[in-house]
Each structure stands twice: as structure tokens, then as C-alpha cells.
Amino acid sequence: MTSSLFPPDGSRVEVDIEGRNLPEVRVVRVTDTTVTLSLPLADAAFTTGAAVTTRWPAGPRGRFVQRGAVLKVDENRIDIALAGEPAIEQLRNYVRGGGGESIHLVRAGEPQSVGQVHDISERAVRAHFGDVDLRPGEEMLLRVELDNEVVEFPAIAYRVAQIRQQVPVRGPLVTEMVALFEQDERQAKIIRRYVLRLQLIARREAAAVTELADDTLAEAAAMAAR
């Protein structure tokens, strides 16, 4: 492990451990072979020897991925023994896009809510619903309609906020949520294919608008020269 590649003390990394995803974990100390992380107390009850995956940005190339195992747990701090060198996850594997798709929120003991997607990737979705009572950490089932296909997955609310609709007129409270989930490869491919297709359509439309604008300017220049 080249310690200079790992984010410095005070940085934030994403951590996968014992089936849980923790997106904002603070780095306390880094050595050549270990790293100490500070977690919220509620998230710190892990088993010594448990497999750990940490991720952090790698610029335009994607994300660094570093694997290891829990070496020691001390209240809300864990020491991780690092294994090997960091690898690169290409950004193309984590495309994000979309918007306006129908999303169904299903929770035990609660009526089903239907909202709209702001954007979706293979591991997260941002969406808004009517004024529903929702809290960070709450578990749910999400079902998203992507054209003629439907993806469905268990998820955990990561960030929740209530905002008041302002456009076109001041309206009722809306609950906005960011939820994290783990996808199986089949559903990940559906999301990736859907988002990439939307991006391709958007690029083609932008190119068509640019071409039309260029033609209009050329025509105007020709008329002015007469």
C-alpha cells in the first residue's frame, strides 16, 4: 500500500462493511499498512476481521478502491489493515442521470407513496414525494419505472429534507430523499443502459440545436453581406 494515495487525515471516504454502506466516514490517521476511521457510535459495532472496502475520488478517472479488514475496534474508531494497492473504479460504471420517472416507496406498516425521481445511479437515487414522514436511516423498498422496465430494491434513506414547493406558485411541503442501495448486476445494467441512452439523446439534441444556430448565423451573415 502506498500511503500517499489514501486521503489524508480529516478527509471523508465511503466505507462498505458487513453489508452496510457508510458514505461519509472521517479519516483519523493513515500509515503505510493501516488506516484509522472515526464512525458515528451507532455505526461502529463491527467484528474484528470483517472485510472492509473504502472508496474515494480519483479525479476524472473514477474512484480509488482500497480493500482491507477490521484490525481493532475502539468505541467509535476502527483500525483497518490495508491489503494490496488501491484500484480504480471507472466512472462509467456509476453513471447518474434521469429525472421525472415514477418511483414507489414501500414501507412496513405505512401506505405506499408515489413520487418522482430527480436522478438515479446504480447505487443511489434522489427523489421527492408528497409530505411523507421519513427519517434518515429508515429502511424501505423502492420500485422505479424506467421506460418499459422496472427495477426494485431494498434501500436506506441517507438524507431527508422537507422543502416547500415554490414553482410555479407557492405550494405544499415536499419530502426530498436521497436513498442508498446495493444493486444486483442485472438491475445495475438496466439503470446504466437507461441513463446512458438518455445522455446520448441529450447530446444529439444539443448538437442539433448548435447546428441550427450555426446555420442561422451563417444565413444572417450572408444576407448582411449582400
C-alpha atoms as a PDB file:
ATOM      1  CA  MET A   1       0.000   0.000   0.000  1.00  0.00           C
ATOM      2  CA  THR A   2       1.289   3.464  -0.928  1.00  0.00           C
ATOM      3  CA  SER A   3       0.033   5.609   1.935  1.00  0.00           C
ATOM      4  CA  SER A   4       0.238   8.815  -0.116  1.00  0.00           C
ATOM      5  CA  LEU A   5      -2.661   7.553  -2.256  1.00  0.00           C
ATOM      6  CA  PHE A   6      -5.034   7.304   0.690  1.00  0.00           C
ATOM      7  CA  PRO A   7      -6.895  10.520   1.611  1.00  0.00           C
ATOM      8  CA  PRO A   8      -5.127  12.498   4.364  1.00  0.00           C
ATOM      9  CA  ASP A   9      -6.248  12.875   7.979  1.00  0.00           C
ATOM     10  CA  GLY A  10      -9.583  14.675   8.232  1.00  0.00           C
ATOM     11  CA  SER A  11     -10.780  13.584   4.781  1.00  0.00           C
ATOM     12  CA  ARG A  12     -14.018  11.701   4.138  1.00  0.00           C
ATOM     13  CA  VAL A  13     -14.282   8.293   2.491  1.00  0.00           C
ATOM     14  CA  GLU A  14     -17.073   5.863   1.640  1.00  0.00           C
ATOM     15  CA  VAL A  15     -16.972   2.550   3.504  1.00  0.00           C
ATOM     16  CA  ASP A  16     -18.630  -0.803   2.765  1.00  0.00           C
ATOM     17  CA  ILE A  17     -18.515  -3.168   5.746  1.00  0.00           C
ATOM     18  CA  GLU A  18     -20.633  -6.154   6.830  1.00  0.00           C
ATOM     19  CA  GLY A  19     -23.303  -5.410   4.244  1.00  0.00           C
ATOM     20  CA  ARG A  20     -23.622  -1.727   5.155  1.00  0.00           C
ATOM     21  CA  ASN A  21     -22.663   1.354   3.169  1.00  0.00           C
ATOM     22  CA  LEU A  22     -21.400   4.386   5.125  1.00  0.00           C
ATOM     23  CA  PRO A  23     -20.936   7.293   2.682  1.00  0.00           C
ATOM     24  CA  GLU A  24     -19.264   9.917   4.932  1.00  0.00           C
ATOM     25  CA  VAL A  25     -16.595   8.413   7.215  1.00  0.00           C
ATOM     26  CA  ARG A  26     -13.770  10.575   8.591  1.00  0.00           C
ATOM     27  CA  VAL A  27     -10.137   9.531   8.235  1.00  0.00           C
ATOM     28  CA  VAL A  28      -8.258   9.913  11.550  1.00  0.00           C
ATOM     29  CA  ARG A  29      -4.802   8.515  10.789  1.00  0.00           C
ATOM     30  CA  VAL A  30      -3.025   6.817   7.888  1.00  0.00           C
ATOM     31  CA  THR A  31       0.146   4.702   7.990  1.00  0.00           C
ATOM     32  CA  ASP A  32       1.807   2.510   5.380  1.00  0.00           C
ATOM     33  CA  THR A  33      -0.291  -0.528   6.301  1.00  0.00           C
ATOM     34  CA  THR A  34      -3.271   0.684   8.347  1.00  0.00           C
ATOM     35  CA  VAL A  35      -5.863   3.426   8.484  1.00  0.00           C
ATOM     36  CA  THR A  36      -7.963   4.599  11.431  1.00  0.00           C
ATOM     37  CA  LEU A  37     -11.507   5.767  10.748  1.00  0.00           C
ATOM     38  CA  SER A  38     -13.973   7.590  13.009  1.00  0.00           C
ATOM     39  CA  LEU A  39     -17.603   6.462  12.721  1.00  0.00           C
ATOM     40  CA  PRO A  40     -20.824   7.529  14.448  1.00  0.00           C
ATOM     41  CA  LEU A  41     -21.244   5.375  17.557  1.00  0.00           C
ATOM     42  CA  ALA A  42     -24.381   3.797  16.082  1.00  0.00           C
ATOM     43  CA  ASP A  43     -22.334   2.533  13.123  1.00  0.00           C
ATOM     44  CA  ALA A  44     -19.229   1.333  14.971  1.00  0.00           C
ATOM     45  CA  ALA A  45     -20.242  -2.147  16.225  1.00  0.00           C
ATOM     46  CA  PHE A  46     -18.208  -4.270  13.828  1.00  0.00           C
ATOM     47  CA  THR A  47     -16.426  -7.595  14.144  1.00  0.00           C
ATOM     48  CA  THR A  48     -12.640  -7.869  14.167  1.00  0.00           C
ATOM     49  CA  GLY A  49     -11.569  -9.442  10.876  1.00  0.00           C
ATOM     50  CA  ALA A  50     -14.603  -8.180   8.944  1.00  0.00           C
ATOM     51  CA  ALA A  51     -13.891  -7.321   5.296  1.00  0.00           C
ATOM     52  CA  VAL A  52     -13.831  -3.592   4.516  1.00  0.00           C
ATOM     53  CA  THR A  53     -13.892  -1.673   1.221  1.00  0.00           C
ATOM     54  CA  THR A  54     -13.089   2.052   1.178  1.00  0.00           C
ATOM     55  CA  ARG A  55     -13.619   4.396  -1.774  1.00  0.00           C
ATOM     56  CA  TRP A  56     -12.644   7.987  -2.540  1.00  0.00           C
ATOM     57  CA  PRO A  57     -12.491  10.204  -5.669  1.00  0.00           C
ATOM     58  CA  ALA A  58      -9.756   9.636  -8.246  1.00  0.00           C
ATOM     59  CA  GLY A  59     -10.436  12.679 -10.428  1.00  0.00           C
ATOM     60  CA  PRO A  60     -11.782  12.143 -13.958  1.00  0.00           C
ATOM     61  CA  ARG A  61     -10.623   8.507 -13.924  1.00  0.00           C
ATOM     62  CA  GLY A  62     -13.227   7.399 -11.411  1.00  0.00           C
ATOM     63  CA  ARG A  63     -12.777   6.302  -7.786  1.00  0.00           C
ATOM     64  CA  PHE A  64      -9.999   4.655  -5.835  1.00  0.00           C
ATOM     65  CA  VAL A  65     -10.978   1.386  -4.135  1.00  0.00           C
ATOM     66  CA  GLN A  66      -8.940   0.013  -1.237  1.00  0.00           C
ATOM     67  CA  ARG A  67      -9.760  -3.280   0.469  1.00  0.00           C
ATOM     68  CA  GLY A  68      -8.793  -4.428   3.937  1.00  0.00           C
ATOM     69  CA  ALA A  69     -10.052  -5.943   7.199  1.00  0.00           C
ATOM     70  CA  VAL A  70     -11.012  -4.645  10.635  1.00  0.00           C
ATOM     71  CA  LEU A  71      -7.956  -4.908  12.869  1.00  0.00           C
ATOM     72  CA  LYS A  72      -9.274  -3.241  16.026  1.00  0.00           C
ATOM     73  CA  VAL A  73     -12.450  -1.545  17.291  1.00  0.00           C
ATOM     74  CA  ASP A  74     -12.169   1.166  19.958  1.00  0.00           C
ATOM     75  CA  GLU A  75     -15.546   2.767  20.713  1.00  0.00           C
ATOM     76  CA  ASN A  76     -16.349   4.725  17.543  1.00  0.00           C
ATOM     77  CA  ARG A  77     -12.928   4.243  15.916  1.00  0.00           C
ATOM     78  CA  ILE A  78     -11.826   1.286  13.844  1.00  0.00           C
ATOM     79  CA  ASP A  79      -8.345   0.358  12.655  1.00  0.00           C
ATOM     80  CA  ILE A  80      -8.238  -1.266   9.236  1.00  0.00           C
ATOM     81  CA  ALA A  81      -5.365  -3.400   7.961  1.00  0.00           C
ATOM     82  CA  LEU A  82      -4.939  -2.493   4.293  1.00  0.00           C
ATOM     83  CA  ALA A  83      -4.476  -5.191   1.659  1.00  0.00           C
ATOM     84  CA  GLY A  84      -2.582  -4.518  -1.563  1.00  0.00           C
ATOM     85  CA  GLU A  85      -2.719  -1.347  -3.640  1.00  0.00           C
ATOM     86  CA  PRO A  86      -5.760   0.836  -4.407  1.00  0.00           C
ATOM     87  CA  ALA A  87      -7.551   0.037  -7.666  1.00  0.00           C
ATOM     88  CA  ILE A  88      -9.554   2.317  -9.945  1.00  0.00           C
ATOM     89  CA  GLU A  89     -13.308   2.003 -10.474  1.00  0.00           C
ATOM     90  CA  GLN A  90     -14.184   3.697 -13.729  1.00  0.00           C
ATOM     91  CA  LEU A  91     -16.875   6.385 -13.549  1.00  0.00           C
ATOM     92  CA  ARG A  92     -18.676   4.789 -16.474  1.00  0.00           C
ATOM     93  CA  ASN A  93     -19.747   2.054 -14.045  1.00  0.00           C
ATOM     94  CA  TYR A  94     -21.536   4.625 -11.888  1.00  0.00           C
ATOM     95  CA  VAL A  95     -23.430   6.786 -14.346  1.00  0.00           C
ATOM     96  CA  ARG A  96     -26.052   9.138 -12.934  1.00  0.00           C
ATOM     97  CA  GLY A  97     -28.934  10.781 -14.747  1.00  0.00           C
ATOM     98  CA  GLY A  98     -32.610  10.599 -15.489  1.00  0.00           C
ATOM     99  CA  GLY A  99     -35.348  12.668 -13.854  1.00  0.00           C
ATOM    100  CA  GLY A 100     -39.143  12.602 -13.817  1.00  0.00           C
ATOM    101  CA  GLU A 101     -39.504   8.823 -13.611  1.00  0.00           C
ATOM    102  CA  SER A 102     -42.162   7.367 -11.306  1.00  0.00           C
ATOM    103  CA  ILE A 103     -40.856   5.888  -8.041  1.00  0.00           C
ATOM    104  CA  HIS A 104     -42.837   3.873  -5.481  1.00  0.00           C
ATOM    105  CA  LEU A 105     -41.873   3.984  -1.791  1.00  0.00           C
ATOM    106  CA  VAL A 106     -42.967   0.925   0.202  1.00  0.00           C
ATOM    107  CA  ARG A 107     -42.500   0.674   3.997  1.00  0.00           C
ATOM    108  CA  ALA A 108     -43.789  -1.802   6.541  1.00  0.00           C
ATOM    109  CA  GLY A 109     -46.943  -0.534   8.237  1.00  0.00           C
ATOM    110  CA  GLU A 110     -47.139   2.598   6.059  1.00  0.00           C
ATOM    111  CA  PRO A 111     -49.244   3.381   2.976  1.00  0.00           C
ATOM    112  CA  GLN A 112     -47.352   3.238  -0.304  1.00  0.00           C
ATOM    113  CA  SER A 113     -46.183   6.605  -1.617  1.00  0.00           C
ATOM    114  CA  VAL A 114     -45.548   7.528  -5.240  1.00  0.00           C
ATOM    115  CA  GLY A 115     -43.059  10.226  -6.154  1.00  0.00           C
ATOM    116  CA  GLN A 116     -40.724  11.381  -8.895  1.00  0.00           C
ATOM    117  CA  VAL A 117     -37.035  10.746  -9.458  1.00  0.00           C
ATOM    118  CA  HIS A 118     -34.588  13.670  -9.601  1.00  0.00           C
ATOM    119  CA  ASP A 119     -31.692  11.438 -10.679  1.00  0.00           C
ATOM    120  CA  ILE A 120     -30.625   7.839 -10.297  1.00  0.00           C
ATOM    121  CA  SER A 121     -27.385   5.854 -10.400  1.00  0.00           C
ATOM    122  CA  GLU A 122     -26.523   2.220  -9.780  1.00  0.00           C
ATOM    123  CA  ARG A 123     -26.203   2.779  -6.029  1.00  0.00           C
ATOM    124  CA  ALA A 124     -28.354   5.797  -5.162  1.00  0.00           C
ATOM    125  CA  VAL A 125     -31.499   7.657  -6.099  1.00  0.00           C
ATOM    126  CA  ARG A 126     -32.660  11.176  -5.307  1.00  0.00           C
ATOM    127  CA  ALA A 127     -36.419  11.638  -5.410  1.00  0.00           C
ATOM    128  CA  HIS A 128     -39.249  13.721  -3.990  1.00  0.00           C
ATOM    129  CA  PHE A 129     -42.621  12.725  -2.611  1.00  0.00           C
ATOM    130  CA  GLY A 130     -45.611  14.414  -1.060  1.00  0.00           C
ATOM    131  CA  ASP A 131     -45.422  15.379   2.598  1.00  0.00           C
ATOM    132  CA  VAL A 132     -44.483  11.942   3.996  1.00  0.00           C
ATOM    133  CA  ASP A 133     -42.938  11.217   7.404  1.00  0.00           C
ATOM    134  CA  LEU A 134     -39.484   9.855   6.554  1.00  0.00           C
ATOM    135  CA  ARG A 135     -36.253   9.829   8.544  1.00  0.00           C
ATOM    136  CA  PRO A 136     -32.570   9.154   7.729  1.00  0.00           C
ATOM    137  CA  GLY A 137     -31.664   5.519   8.336  1.00  0.00           C
ATOM    138  CA  GLU A 138     -35.175   4.265   7.610  1.00  0.00           C
ATOM    139  CA  GLU A 139     -35.385   1.084   5.540  1.00  0.00           C
ATOM    140  CA  MET A 140     -37.704   0.782   2.570  1.00  0.00           C
ATOM    141  CA  LEU A 141     -38.387  -0.905  -0.731  1.00  0.00           C
ATOM    142  CA  LEU A 142     -38.131   1.270  -3.841  1.00  0.00           C
ATOM    143  CA  ARG A 143     -39.608   0.477  -7.225  1.00  0.00           C
ATOM    144  CA  VAL A 144     -38.616   2.667 -10.199  1.00  0.00           C
ATOM    145  CA  GLU A 145     -40.149   2.621 -13.671  1.00  0.00           C
ATOM    146  CA  LEU A 146     -37.518   3.080 -16.401  1.00  0.00           C
ATOM    147  CA  ASP A 147     -39.389   3.128 -19.718  1.00  0.00           C
ATOM    148  CA  ASN A 148     -40.666  -0.416 -20.214  1.00  0.00           C
ATOM    149  CA  GLU A 149     -38.584  -1.913 -17.410  1.00  0.00           C
ATOM    150  CA  VAL A 150     -38.918  -1.818 -13.627  1.00  0.00           C
ATOM    151  CA  VAL A 151     -36.122  -2.085 -11.054  1.00  0.00           C
ATOM    152  CA  GLU A 152     -36.909  -2.893  -7.432  1.00  0.00           C
ATOM    153  CA  PHE A 153     -34.528  -2.940  -4.487  1.00  0.00           C
ATOM    154  CA  PRO A 154     -34.301  -2.524  -0.691  1.00  0.00           C
ATOM    155  CA  ALA A 155     -32.791   0.834   0.256  1.00  0.00           C
ATOM    156  CA  ILE A 156     -31.904   3.017   3.231  1.00  0.00           C
ATOM    157  CA  ALA A 157     -32.725   6.722   3.476  1.00  0.00           C
ATOM    158  CA  TYR A 158     -29.419   8.592   3.667  1.00  0.00           C
ATOM    159  CA  ARG A 159     -30.560  12.217   3.567  1.00  0.00           C
ATOM    160  CA  VAL A 160     -34.097  13.586   4.038  1.00  0.00           C
ATOM    161  CA  ALA A 161     -35.321  17.186   3.822  1.00  0.00           C
ATOM    162  CA  GLN A 162     -38.681  18.888   3.646  1.00  0.00           C
ATOM    163  CA  ILE A 163     -38.974  21.785   1.237  1.00  0.00           C
ATOM    164  CA  ARG A 164     -41.900  23.918   0.184  1.00  0.00           C
ATOM    165  CA  GLN A 165     -42.830  23.987  -3.468  1.00  0.00           C
ATOM    166  CA  GLN A 166     -42.188  27.461  -4.908  1.00  0.00           C
ATOM    167  CA  VAL A 167     -42.624  26.986  -8.667  1.00  0.00           C
ATOM    168  CA  PRO A 168     -44.866  27.834 -10.410  1.00  0.00           C
ATOM    169  CA  VAL A 169     -46.602  29.027  -7.219  1.00  0.00           C
ATOM    170  CA  ARG A 170     -46.009  28.548  -3.512  1.00  0.00           C
ATOM    171  CA  GLY A 171     -47.423  25.167  -2.607  1.00  0.00           C
ATOM    172  CA  PRO A 172     -47.385  22.350  -0.049  1.00  0.00           C
ATOM    173  CA  LEU A 173     -44.393  20.754   1.652  1.00  0.00           C
ATOM    174  CA  VAL A 174     -42.485  18.170  -0.375  1.00  0.00           C
ATOM    175  CA  THR A 175     -40.207  15.488   1.094  1.00  0.00           C
ATOM    176  CA  GLU A 176     -36.912  15.113  -0.772  1.00  0.00           C
ATOM    177  CA  MET A 177     -34.878  11.978  -0.132  1.00  0.00           C
ATOM    178  CA  VAL A 178     -31.527  10.516  -1.116  1.00  0.00           C
ATOM    179  CA  ALA A 179     -31.549   6.728  -0.673  1.00  0.00           C
ATOM    180  CA  LEU A 180     -28.652   4.284  -0.985  1.00  0.00           C
ATOM    181  CA  PHE A 181     -28.963   0.700  -2.153  1.00  0.00           C
ATOM    182  CA  GLU A 182     -26.980  -2.290  -3.353  1.00  0.00           C
ATOM    183  CA  GLN A 183     -27.859  -3.456  -6.855  1.00  0.00           C
ATOM    184  CA  ASP A 184     -27.539  -6.875  -8.378  1.00  0.00           C
ATOM    185  CA  GLU A 185     -25.734  -6.802 -11.719  1.00  0.00           C
ATOM    186  CA  ARG A 186     -28.894  -7.387 -13.778  1.00  0.00           C
ATOM    187  CA  GLN A 187     -30.625  -4.299 -12.370  1.00  0.00           C
ATOM    188  CA  ALA A 188     -27.389  -2.301 -12.474  1.00  0.00           C
ATOM    189  CA  LYS A 189     -27.179  -2.939 -16.218  1.00  0.00           C
ATOM    190  CA  ILE A 190     -30.788  -1.786 -16.665  1.00  0.00           C
ATOM    191  CA  ILE A 191     -30.069   1.507 -14.877  1.00  0.00           C
ATOM    192  CA  ARG A 192     -26.751   2.027 -16.674  1.00  0.00           C
ATOM    193  CA  ARG A 193     -28.284   1.341 -20.095  1.00  0.00           C
ATOM    194  CA  TYR A 194     -31.226   3.656 -19.370  1.00  0.00           C
ATOM    195  CA  VAL A 195     -29.085   6.582 -18.162  1.00  0.00           C
ATOM    196  CA  LEU A 196     -26.555   6.248 -20.995  1.00  0.00           C
ATOM    197  CA  ARG A 197     -29.382   6.242 -23.539  1.00  0.00           C
ATOM    198  CA  LEU A 198     -30.783   9.469 -22.050  1.00  0.00           C
ATOM    199  CA  GLN A 199     -27.326  11.051 -22.143  1.00  0.00           C
ATOM    200  CA  LEU A 200     -26.915  10.063 -25.797  1.00  0.00           C
ATOM    201  CA  ILE A 201     -30.301  11.597 -26.673  1.00  0.00           C
ATOM    202  CA  ALA A 202     -29.381  14.802 -24.813  1.00  0.00           C
ATOM    203  CA  ARG A 203     -26.056  15.070 -26.678  1.00  0.00           C
ATOM    204  CA  ARG A 204     -27.775  14.569 -30.030  1.00  0.00           C
ATOM    205  CA  GLU A 205     -30.369  17.227 -29.211  1.00  0.00           C
ATOM    206  CA  ALA A 206     -27.664  19.666 -28.097  1.00  0.00           C
ATOM    207  CA  ALA A 207     -25.698  19.021 -31.298  1.00  0.00           C
ATOM    208  CA  ALA A 208     -28.838  19.636 -33.380  1.00  0.00           C
ATOM    209  CA  VAL A 209     -29.503  22.951 -31.603  1.00  0.00           C
ATOM    210  CA  THR A 210     -25.882  24.034 -32.120  1.00  0.00           C
ATOM    211  CA  GLU A 211     -26.032  23.117 -35.789  1.00  0.00           C
ATOM    212  CA  LEU A 212     -29.275  25.059 -36.239  1.00  0.00           C
ATOM    213  CA  ALA A 213     -27.796  28.096 -34.506  1.00  0.00           C
ATOM    214  CA  ASP A 214     -24.681  27.934 -36.714  1.00  0.00           C
ATOM    215  CA  ASP A 215     -26.835  27.707 -39.863  1.00  0.00           C
ATOM    216  CA  THR A 216     -28.913  30.695 -38.723  1.00  0.00           C
ATOM    217  CA  LEU A 217     -25.811  32.793 -38.055  1.00  0.00           C
ATOM    218  CA  ALA A 218     -24.323  31.841 -41.414  1.00  0.00           C
ATOM    219  CA  GLU A 219     -27.530  32.770 -43.190  1.00  0.00           C
ATOM    220  CA  ALA A 220     -27.727  36.097 -41.347  1.00  0.00           C
ATOM    221  CA  ALA A 221     -24.084  36.842 -42.253  1.00  0.00           C
ATOM    222  CA  ALA A 222     -24.741  36.025 -45.897  1.00  0.00           C
ATOM    223  CA  MET A 223     -27.750  38.331 -46.015  1.00  0.00           C
ATOM    224  CA  ALA A 224     -25.786  41.140 -44.359  1.00  0.00           C
ATOM    225  CA  ALA A 225     -23.039  40.811 -46.970  1.00  0.00           C
ATOM    226  CA  ARG A 226     -25.397  41.310 -49.900  1.00  0.00           C
END
